[in-house]
């Protein structure tokens, strides 16, 4: 009986450890989560590799911080300049391109500021001149980083003290909803906008008004946390995920992911 109890105790200790070894923790941006992309991909990844993917969806700035703090083993984010600096600083390794979409400026269909069809720079200048409500995520996410860079490219300071410039400190869907409530404008990635459009039965209160500029390109990449900085990360599992999401099968799955018949992300792994 004593030997049996010892065996059972050993098994009880072993099983959670084994389960943990086959679980990969990832930090990612809200757009990959809000759109449903990860819910769609995770079962495919587990079937192909036996590894369970668990993730926390936050702004890219927070995701990078979670990696720096060794709380996750892999990142799927969309702020290229910050990612390159992250790798240069030694926090991440093996950055790989995964997919892209684009950013768009959306607003009420009646477009009170009259920005439809403008360039991004002219649209932002007009919104500022008209003091039309503009909702910013204000959360250091990849989208927020891009938005701030676009104000600068338009020759303007980020209007973060202006009454008409609202910083929600929330994710993209929540920020879109605030903009809709206020009859204002915001910037979002197209994938999240399509998800929002789908949630409104194809007739959303806010519509795409500004699109197509080269500056609105939105690249997503996968980064493995540097095991030399974080000895607790599951480096092998992170590499397994990076290999899988850039594989032909996963890239095709990303291309096939659609809502309202529209493609949310375009794969571009090298």
C-alpha atoms as a PDB file:
ATOM      1  CA  UNK A   1       0.000   0.000   0.000  1.00  0.00           C
ATOM      2  CA  UNK A   2       2.835   2.391   0.907  1.00  0.00           C
ATOM      3  CA  UNK A   3       4.506   1.755  -2.451  1.00  0.00           C
ATOM      4  CA  UNK A   4       1.167   2.367  -4.196  1.00  0.00           C
ATOM      5  CA  UNK A   5       0.711   5.734  -2.442  1.00  0.00           C
ATOM      6  CA  UNK A   6       4.224   6.786  -3.369  1.00  0.00           C
ATOM      7  CA  UNK A   7       3.514   5.883  -6.996  1.00  0.00           C
ATOM      8  CA  UNK A   8       0.245   7.828  -7.003  1.00  0.00           C
ATOM      9  CA  UNK A   9       1.960  10.870  -5.498  1.00  0.00           C
ATOM     10  CA  UNK A  10       4.653  10.712  -8.161  1.00  0.00           C
ATOM     11  CA  UNK A  11       2.020  10.549 -10.881  1.00  0.00           C
ATOM     12  CA  UNK A  12       0.128  13.472  -9.369  1.00  0.00           C
ATOM     13  CA  UNK A  13       3.297  15.547  -9.445  1.00  0.00           C
ATOM     14  CA  UNK A  14       4.231  14.409 -12.941  1.00  0.00           C
ATOM     15  CA  UNK A  15       0.925  15.059 -14.719  1.00  0.00           C
ATOM     16  CA  UNK A  16       0.708  18.823 -14.077  1.00  0.00           C
ATOM     17  CA  UNK A  17       4.358  19.211 -15.046  1.00  0.00           C
ATOM     18  CA  UNK A  18       3.769  17.363 -18.301  1.00  0.00           C
ATOM     19  CA  UNK A  19       0.688  19.441 -19.038  1.00  0.00           C
ATOM     20  CA  UNK A  20       2.621  22.622 -18.363  1.00  0.00           C
ATOM     21  CA  UNK A  21       5.453  21.534 -20.647  1.00  0.00           C
ATOM     22  CA  UNK A  22       2.972  21.213 -23.516  1.00  0.00           C
ATOM     23  CA  UNK A  23       1.380  24.636 -22.974  1.00  0.00           C
ATOM     24  CA  UNK A  24       2.752  27.725 -24.692  1.00  0.00           C
ATOM     25  CA  UNK A  25       2.038  31.169 -23.233  1.00  0.00           C
ATOM     26  CA  UNK A  26       1.815  34.004 -25.727  1.00  0.00           C
ATOM     27  CA  UNK A  27       1.164  37.754 -25.510  1.00  0.00           C
ATOM     28  CA  UNK A  28      -0.519  39.265 -28.530  1.00  0.00           C
ATOM     29  CA  UNK A  29      -2.291  42.359 -29.739  1.00  0.00           C
ATOM     30  CA  UNK A  30      -6.037  42.743 -29.315  1.00  0.00           C
ATOM     31  CA  UNK A  31      -6.714  42.553 -33.060  1.00  0.00           C
ATOM     32  CA  UNK A  32      -5.603  38.919 -33.375  1.00  0.00           C
ATOM     33  CA  UNK A  33      -7.927  38.073 -30.484  1.00  0.00           C
ATOM     34  CA  UNK A  34     -10.913  40.343 -31.199  1.00  0.00           C
ATOM     35  CA  UNK A  35     -11.182  39.188 -34.791  1.00  0.00           C
ATOM     36  CA  UNK A  36     -11.386  35.533 -33.726  1.00  0.00           C
ATOM     37  CA  UNK A  37      -8.226  34.647 -35.630  1.00  0.00           C
ATOM     38  CA  UNK A  38      -6.533  32.938 -32.679  1.00  0.00           C
ATOM     39  CA  UNK A  39      -9.654  30.982 -31.738  1.00  0.00           C
ATOM     40  CA  UNK A  40      -9.575  29.743 -35.331  1.00  0.00           C
ATOM     41  CA  UNK A  41      -5.832  28.951 -35.462  1.00  0.00           C
ATOM     42  CA  UNK A  42      -5.175  27.547 -31.971  1.00  0.00           C
ATOM     43  CA  UNK A  43      -6.981  24.209 -32.475  1.00  0.00           C
ATOM     44  CA  UNK A  44      -5.097  23.710 -35.762  1.00  0.00           C
ATOM     45  CA  UNK A  45      -1.796  24.398 -34.004  1.00  0.00           C
ATOM     46  CA  UNK A  46      -2.588  21.938 -31.224  1.00  0.00           C
ATOM     47  CA  UNK A  47      -3.662  19.255 -33.685  1.00  0.00           C
ATOM     48  CA  UNK A  48      -0.478  19.696 -35.709  1.00  0.00           C
ATOM     49  CA  UNK A  49       1.977  19.890 -32.796  1.00  0.00           C
ATOM     50  CA  UNK A  50       0.286  18.633 -29.621  1.00  0.00           C
ATOM     51  CA  UNK A  51       0.984  22.007 -27.980  1.00  0.00           C
ATOM     52  CA  UNK A  52      -1.832  23.994 -26.373  1.00  0.00           C
ATOM     53  CA  UNK A  53      -1.643  27.724 -27.098  1.00  0.00           C
ATOM     54  CA  UNK A  54      -2.800  30.098 -24.375  1.00  0.00           C
ATOM     55  CA  UNK A  55      -2.632  33.845 -24.829  1.00  0.00           C
ATOM     56  CA  UNK A  56      -3.277  37.212 -23.278  1.00  0.00           C
ATOM     57  CA  UNK A  57      -4.478  39.962 -25.619  1.00  0.00           C
ATOM     58  CA  UNK A  58      -3.225  43.452 -24.814  1.00  0.00           C
ATOM     59  CA  UNK A  59      -1.755  46.404 -26.653  1.00  0.00           C
ATOM     60  CA  UNK A  60       1.580  45.716 -28.319  1.00  0.00           C
ATOM     61  CA  UNK A  61       3.424  47.897 -25.789  1.00  0.00           C
ATOM     62  CA  UNK A  62       2.057  45.804 -22.923  1.00  0.00           C
ATOM     63  CA  UNK A  63       2.763  42.585 -24.841  1.00  0.00           C
ATOM     64  CA  UNK A  64       6.407  43.590 -25.240  1.00  0.00           C
ATOM     65  CA  UNK A  65       6.535  44.347 -21.519  1.00  0.00           C
ATOM     66  CA  UNK A  66       5.136  40.918 -20.664  1.00  0.00           C
ATOM     67  CA  UNK A  67       7.925  39.409 -22.715  1.00  0.00           C
ATOM     68  CA  UNK A  68      10.537  41.606 -21.028  1.00  0.00           C
ATOM     69  CA  UNK A  69       9.204  40.434 -17.664  1.00  0.00           C
ATOM     70  CA  UNK A  70       9.502  36.773 -18.754  1.00  0.00           C
ATOM     71  CA  UNK A  71       5.753  36.219 -18.299  1.00  0.00           C
ATOM     72  CA  UNK A  72       5.292  34.721 -21.784  1.00  0.00           C
ATOM     73  CA  UNK A  73       7.457  32.806 -24.232  1.00  0.00           C
ATOM     74  CA  UNK A  74       6.352  34.194 -27.591  1.00  0.00           C
ATOM     75  CA  UNK A  75       4.800  37.369 -29.020  1.00  0.00           C
ATOM     76  CA  UNK A  76       2.501  38.026 -31.987  1.00  0.00           C
ATOM     77  CA  UNK A  77       2.468  41.803 -32.386  1.00  0.00           C
ATOM     78  CA  UNK A  78       2.343  44.664 -34.900  1.00  0.00           C
ATOM     79  CA  UNK A  79       4.715  47.519 -34.136  1.00  0.00           C
ATOM     80  CA  UNK A  80       7.758  46.891 -36.374  1.00  0.00           C
ATOM     81  CA  UNK A  81      10.015  49.694 -35.144  1.00  0.00           C
ATOM     82  CA  UNK A  82       9.402  48.760 -31.501  1.00  0.00           C
ATOM     83  CA  UNK A  83       9.941  45.078 -32.325  1.00  0.00           C
ATOM     84  CA  UNK A  84      13.265  45.733 -34.047  1.00  0.00           C
ATOM     85  CA  UNK A  85      14.437  47.756 -31.052  1.00  0.00           C
ATOM     86  CA  UNK A  86      13.228  44.942 -28.786  1.00  0.00           C
ATOM     87  CA  UNK A  87      15.410  42.442 -30.641  1.00  0.00           C
ATOM     88  CA  UNK A  88      18.352  44.840 -30.693  1.00  0.00           C
ATOM     89  CA  UNK A  89      18.019  45.252 -26.922  1.00  0.00           C
ATOM     90  CA  UNK A  90      18.261  41.477 -26.529  1.00  0.00           C
ATOM     91  CA  UNK A  91      14.727  40.788 -25.292  1.00  0.00           C
ATOM     92  CA  UNK A  92      13.525  38.931 -28.375  1.00  0.00           C
ATOM     93  CA  UNK A  93      15.036  36.682 -31.029  1.00  0.00           C
ATOM     94  CA  UNK A  94      14.036  35.243 -34.380  1.00  0.00           C
ATOM     95  CA  UNK A  95      11.541  37.905 -35.476  1.00  0.00           C
ATOM     96  CA  UNK A  96       9.576  36.609 -38.466  1.00  0.00           C
ATOM     97  CA  UNK A  97       6.923  38.201 -40.661  1.00  0.00           C
ATOM     98  CA  UNK A  98       3.542  36.474 -40.420  1.00  0.00           C
ATOM     99  CA  UNK A  99       0.806  38.538 -42.081  1.00  0.00           C
ATOM    100  CA  UNK A 100      -0.434  42.047 -42.735  1.00  0.00           C
ATOM    101  CA  UNK A 101      -3.526  44.129 -43.263  1.00  0.00           C
ATOM    102  CA  UNK A 102      -3.923  47.897 -43.238  1.00  0.00           C
ATOM    103  CA  UNK A 103      -5.160  50.697 -41.031  1.00  0.00           C
ATOM    104  CA  UNK A 104      -8.207  52.752 -41.936  1.00  0.00           C
ATOM    105  CA  UNK A 105      -9.811  55.888 -40.553  1.00  0.00           C
ATOM    106  CA  UNK A 106     -13.483  55.382 -39.870  1.00  0.00           C
ATOM    107  CA  UNK A 107     -16.271  57.744 -38.916  1.00  0.00           C
ATOM    108  CA  UNK A 108     -20.000  58.464 -39.276  1.00  0.00           C
ATOM    109  CA  UNK A 109     -21.481  57.856 -42.692  1.00  0.00           C
ATOM    110  CA  UNK A 110     -22.484  61.523 -42.933  1.00  0.00           C
ATOM    111  CA  UNK A 111     -18.821  62.440 -42.351  1.00  0.00           C
ATOM    112  CA  UNK A 112     -19.291  65.743 -40.468  1.00  0.00           C
ATOM    113  CA  UNK A 113     -15.650  66.802 -40.949  1.00  0.00           C
ATOM    114  CA  UNK A 114     -15.714  65.956 -44.671  1.00  0.00           C
ATOM    115  CA  UNK A 115     -12.591  63.774 -44.766  1.00  0.00           C
ATOM    116  CA  UNK A 116     -13.791  60.970 -47.045  1.00  0.00           C
ATOM    117  CA  UNK A 117     -11.275  60.158 -49.763  1.00  0.00           C
ATOM    118  CA  UNK A 118      -8.560  62.422 -48.366  1.00  0.00           C
ATOM    119  CA  UNK A 119      -4.985  61.402 -47.729  1.00  0.00           C
ATOM    120  CA  UNK A 120      -4.251  60.476 -44.138  1.00  0.00           C
ATOM    121  CA  UNK A 121      -2.325  63.707 -43.543  1.00  0.00           C
ATOM    122  CA  UNK A 122      -5.092  65.897 -44.969  1.00  0.00           C
ATOM    123  CA  UNK A 123      -7.751  63.976 -43.040  1.00  0.00           C
ATOM    124  CA  UNK A 124      -5.960  64.461 -39.717  1.00  0.00           C
ATOM    125  CA  UNK A 125      -5.344  68.145 -40.438  1.00  0.00           C
ATOM    126  CA  UNK A 126      -9.026  68.607 -41.276  1.00  0.00           C
ATOM    127  CA  UNK A 127     -10.197  66.757 -38.161  1.00  0.00           C
ATOM    128  CA  UNK A 128      -7.935  68.994 -36.059  1.00  0.00           C
ATOM    129  CA  UNK A 129      -9.108  72.176 -37.805  1.00  0.00           C
ATOM    130  CA  UNK A 130     -12.763  71.173 -37.435  1.00  0.00           C
ATOM    131  CA  UNK A 131     -12.145  69.977 -33.869  1.00  0.00           C
ATOM    132  CA  UNK A 132     -14.186  66.907 -34.744  1.00  0.00           C
ATOM    133  CA  UNK A 133     -14.266  64.184 -32.113  1.00  0.00           C
ATOM    134  CA  UNK A 134     -11.403  61.730 -32.584  1.00  0.00           C
ATOM    135  CA  UNK A 135     -11.098  58.675 -30.337  1.00  0.00           C
ATOM    136  CA  UNK A 136      -7.620  57.312 -29.718  1.00  0.00           C
ATOM    137  CA  UNK A 137      -6.835  54.080 -27.934  1.00  0.00           C
ATOM    138  CA  UNK A 138      -4.216  55.919 -25.888  1.00  0.00           C
ATOM    139  CA  UNK A 139      -2.813  52.607 -24.652  1.00  0.00           C
ATOM    140  CA  UNK A 140       0.625  52.293 -26.311  1.00  0.00           C
ATOM    141  CA  UNK A 141      -0.731  49.546 -28.567  1.00  0.00           C
ATOM    142  CA  UNK A 142       0.573  49.014 -32.083  1.00  0.00           C
ATOM    143  CA  UNK A 143      -2.422  50.942 -33.385  1.00  0.00           C
ATOM    144  CA  UNK A 144      -1.792  53.801 -30.956  1.00  0.00           C
ATOM    145  CA  UNK A 145       1.894  53.919 -31.908  1.00  0.00           C
ATOM    146  CA  UNK A 146       0.949  54.102 -35.590  1.00  0.00           C
ATOM    147  CA  UNK A 147      -1.662  56.789 -34.967  1.00  0.00           C
ATOM    148  CA  UNK A 148       0.845  58.988 -33.124  1.00  0.00           C
ATOM    149  CA  UNK A 149       3.336  58.591 -35.964  1.00  0.00           C
ATOM    150  CA  UNK A 150       0.680  59.710 -38.462  1.00  0.00           C
ATOM    151  CA  UNK A 151      -0.030  62.935 -36.590  1.00  0.00           C
ATOM    152  CA  UNK A 152       3.701  63.628 -36.745  1.00  0.00           C
ATOM    153  CA  UNK A 153       3.861  62.793 -40.452  1.00  0.00           C
ATOM    154  CA  UNK A 154       1.035  65.293 -40.993  1.00  0.00           C
ATOM    155  CA  UNK A 155       3.185  67.968 -39.347  1.00  0.00           C
ATOM    156  CA  UNK A 156       1.037  68.066 -36.217  1.00  0.00           C
ATOM    157  CA  UNK A 157       1.617  67.420 -32.546  1.00  0.00           C
ATOM    158  CA  UNK A 158      -0.453  64.617 -31.057  1.00  0.00           C
ATOM    159  CA  UNK A 159      -3.472  66.602 -29.750  1.00  0.00           C
ATOM    160  CA  UNK A 160      -3.581  64.725 -26.456  1.00  0.00           C
ATOM    161  CA  UNK A 161      -4.686  67.760 -24.448  1.00  0.00           C
ATOM    162  CA  UNK A 162      -7.462  68.837 -26.830  1.00  0.00           C
ATOM    163  CA  UNK A 163     -11.069  68.485 -25.659  1.00  0.00           C
ATOM    164  CA  UNK A 164     -12.098  66.876 -28.951  1.00  0.00           C
ATOM    165  CA  UNK A 165      -9.357  64.210 -28.737  1.00  0.00           C
ATOM    166  CA  UNK A 166     -10.561  61.380 -26.502  1.00  0.00           C
ATOM    167  CA  UNK A 167      -8.140  58.739 -25.216  1.00  0.00           C
ATOM    168  CA  UNK A 168     -10.082  55.664 -24.184  1.00  0.00           C
ATOM    169  CA  UNK A 169      -7.246  53.578 -22.745  1.00  0.00           C
ATOM    170  CA  UNK A 170      -9.162  50.574 -24.074  1.00  0.00           C
ATOM    171  CA  UNK A 171      -8.958  47.979 -26.819  1.00  0.00           C
ATOM    172  CA  UNK A 172      -9.924  48.549 -30.426  1.00  0.00           C
ATOM    173  CA  UNK A 173     -13.528  47.324 -30.384  1.00  0.00           C
ATOM    174  CA  UNK A 174     -14.297  49.350 -27.251  1.00  0.00           C
ATOM    175  CA  UNK A 175     -12.675  52.414 -28.805  1.00  0.00           C
ATOM    176  CA  UNK A 176     -14.730  52.004 -31.979  1.00  0.00           C
ATOM    177  CA  UNK A 177     -17.872  51.785 -29.855  1.00  0.00           C
ATOM    178  CA  UNK A 178     -16.953  55.002 -28.018  1.00  0.00           C
ATOM    179  CA  UNK A 179     -16.378  56.744 -31.352  1.00  0.00           C
ATOM    180  CA  UNK A 180     -19.777  55.546 -32.553  1.00  0.00           C
ATOM    181  CA  UNK A 181     -21.464  56.838 -29.397  1.00  0.00           C
ATOM    182  CA  UNK A 182     -19.772  60.230 -29.778  1.00  0.00           C
ATOM    183  CA  UNK A 183     -20.370  60.483 -33.535  1.00  0.00           C
ATOM    184  CA  UNK A 184     -16.617  60.747 -33.976  1.00  0.00           C
ATOM    185  CA  UNK A 185     -13.667  59.310 -35.868  1.00  0.00           C
ATOM    186  CA  UNK A 186     -11.035  56.746 -34.995  1.00  0.00           C
ATOM    187  CA  UNK A 187      -8.316  54.657 -36.594  1.00  0.00           C
ATOM    188  CA  UNK A 188      -8.430  50.872 -36.608  1.00  0.00           C
ATOM    189  CA  UNK A 189      -6.859  47.950 -38.389  1.00  0.00           C
ATOM    190  CA  UNK A 190      -9.060  46.618 -41.153  1.00  0.00           C
ATOM    191  CA  UNK A 191      -9.393  43.146 -39.635  1.00  0.00           C
ATOM    192  CA  UNK A 192     -10.926  44.514 -36.453  1.00  0.00           C
ATOM    193  CA  UNK A 193     -13.154  46.808 -38.486  1.00  0.00           C
ATOM    194  CA  UNK A 194     -14.484  43.839 -40.472  1.00  0.00           C
ATOM    195  CA  UNK A 195     -15.203  42.049 -37.184  1.00  0.00           C
ATOM    196  CA  UNK A 196     -17.034  45.162 -35.958  1.00  0.00           C
ATOM    197  CA  UNK A 197     -18.915  45.384 -39.261  1.00  0.00           C
ATOM    198  CA  UNK A 198     -19.894  41.725 -38.929  1.00  0.00           C
ATOM    199  CA  UNK A 199     -21.118  42.256 -35.351  1.00  0.00           C
ATOM    200  CA  UNK A 200     -23.458  44.970 -36.671  1.00  0.00           C
ATOM    201  CA  UNK A 201     -24.959  42.703 -39.312  1.00  0.00           C
ATOM    202  CA  UNK A 202     -23.003  44.370 -42.092  1.00  0.00           C
ATOM    203  CA  UNK A 203     -24.517  47.800 -41.350  1.00  0.00           C
ATOM    204  CA  UNK A 204     -22.152  49.478 -38.866  1.00  0.00           C
ATOM    205  CA  UNK A 205     -22.665  53.041 -37.581  1.00  0.00           C
ATOM    206  CA  UNK A 206     -19.086  53.905 -38.579  1.00  0.00           C
ATOM    207  CA  UNK A 207     -17.777  53.417 -42.114  1.00  0.00           C
ATOM    208  CA  UNK A 208     -14.352  53.478 -43.767  1.00  0.00           C
ATOM    209  CA  UNK A 209     -13.581  57.015 -44.943  1.00  0.00           C
ATOM    210  CA  UNK A 210      -9.797  57.104 -45.405  1.00  0.00           C
ATOM    211  CA  UNK A 211      -7.788  54.176 -46.746  1.00  0.00           C
ATOM    212  CA  UNK A 212      -5.145  53.129 -49.225  1.00  0.00           C
ATOM    213  CA  UNK A 213      -2.120  55.215 -48.169  1.00  0.00           C
ATOM    214  CA  UNK A 214       1.163  53.331 -48.100  1.00  0.00           C
ATOM    215  CA  UNK A 215       1.651  54.683 -44.577  1.00  0.00           C
ATOM    216  CA  UNK A 216      -1.335  52.621 -43.419  1.00  0.00           C
ATOM    217  CA  UNK A 217       0.407  49.270 -44.002  1.00  0.00           C
ATOM    218  CA  UNK A 218       0.104  47.089 -40.882  1.00  0.00           C
ATOM    219  CA  UNK A 219       2.628  44.259 -40.445  1.00  0.00           C
ATOM    220  CA  UNK A 220       2.268  41.469 -37.856  1.00  0.00           C
ATOM    221  CA  UNK A 221       5.277  39.456 -36.724  1.00  0.00           C
ATOM    222  CA  UNK A 222       6.137  36.644 -34.340  1.00  0.00           C
ATOM    223  CA  UNK A 223       9.035  37.001 -31.877  1.00  0.00           C
ATOM    224  CA  UNK A 224      10.477  34.421 -29.508  1.00  0.00           C
ATOM    225  CA  UNK A 225      11.536  35.673 -26.083  1.00  0.00           C
ATOM    226  CA  UNK A 226      15.295  35.429 -25.639  1.00  0.00           C
ATOM    227  CA  UNK A 227      16.015  32.404 -23.395  1.00  0.00           C
ATOM    228  CA  UNK A 228      19.278  34.028 -22.306  1.00  0.00           C
ATOM    229  CA  UNK A 229      17.217  36.814 -20.735  1.00  0.00           C
ATOM    230  CA  UNK A 230      14.434  34.565 -19.421  1.00  0.00           C
ATOM    231  CA  UNK A 231      15.492  31.076 -18.393  1.00  0.00           C
ATOM    232  CA  UNK A 232      11.906  30.112 -17.538  1.00  0.00           C
ATOM    233  CA  UNK A 233      10.511  30.488 -21.075  1.00  0.00           C
ATOM    234  CA  UNK A 234       9.527  27.434 -23.090  1.00  0.00           C
ATOM    235  CA  UNK A 235      11.861  28.296 -25.946  1.00  0.00           C
ATOM    236  CA  UNK A 236      11.386  25.041 -27.873  1.00  0.00           C
ATOM    237  CA  UNK A 237       7.596  25.439 -27.821  1.00  0.00           C
ATOM    238  CA  UNK A 238       7.900  29.074 -28.894  1.00  0.00           C
ATOM    239  CA  UNK A 239      10.049  28.007 -31.830  1.00  0.00           C
ATOM    240  CA  UNK A 240       7.521  25.308 -32.666  1.00  0.00           C
ATOM    241  CA  UNK A 241       4.819  27.981 -32.867  1.00  0.00           C
ATOM    242  CA  UNK A 242       6.995  30.313 -34.951  1.00  0.00           C
ATOM    243  CA  UNK A 243       7.759  27.466 -37.350  1.00  0.00           C
ATOM    244  CA  UNK A 244       4.099  26.490 -37.558  1.00  0.00           C
ATOM    245  CA  UNK A 245       2.531  29.936 -38.057  1.00  0.00           C
ATOM    246  CA  UNK A 246       4.975  30.682 -40.867  1.00  0.00           C
ATOM    247  CA  UNK A 247       4.401  27.266 -42.467  1.00  0.00           C
ATOM    248  CA  UNK A 248       2.518  26.841 -45.734  1.00  0.00           C
ATOM    249  CA  UNK A 249      -0.455  25.219 -43.984  1.00  0.00           C
ATOM    250  CA  UNK A 250      -0.877  27.982 -41.390  1.00  0.00           C
ATOM    251  CA  UNK A 251      -0.339  30.706 -43.956  1.00  0.00           C
ATOM    252  CA  UNK A 252      -3.114  29.226 -46.085  1.00  0.00           C
ATOM    253  CA  UNK A 253      -5.364  29.050 -43.020  1.00  0.00           C
ATOM    254  CA  UNK A 254      -4.757  32.759 -42.380  1.00  0.00           C
ATOM    255  CA  UNK A 255      -5.620  33.549 -45.997  1.00  0.00           C
ATOM    256  CA  UNK A 256      -8.835  31.527 -45.683  1.00  0.00           C
ATOM    257  CA  UNK A 257     -10.022  33.340 -42.533  1.00  0.00           C
ATOM    258  CA  UNK A 258     -12.903  35.554 -43.594  1.00  0.00           C
ATOM    259  CA  UNK A 259     -15.947  37.418 -42.285  1.00  0.00           C
ATOM    260  CA  UNK A 260     -18.667  38.816 -44.538  1.00  0.00           C
ATOM    261  CA  UNK A 261     -16.698  37.198 -47.355  1.00  0.00           C
ATOM    262  CA  UNK A 262     -13.782  39.570 -46.656  1.00  0.00           C
ATOM    263  CA  UNK A 263     -10.213  38.538 -45.914  1.00  0.00           C
ATOM    264  CA  UNK A 264      -9.022  39.984 -42.595  1.00  0.00           C
ATOM    265  CA  UNK A 265      -5.277  39.294 -42.913  1.00  0.00           C
ATOM    266  CA  UNK A 266      -2.918  38.542 -45.785  1.00  0.00           C
ATOM    267  CA  UNK A 267      -0.110  36.044 -45.018  1.00  0.00           C
ATOM    268  CA  UNK A 268       3.415  37.098 -45.969  1.00  0.00           C
ATOM    269  CA  UNK A 269       5.863  34.820 -44.162  1.00  0.00           C
ATOM    270  CA  UNK A 270       9.215  34.690 -45.907  1.00  0.00           C
END
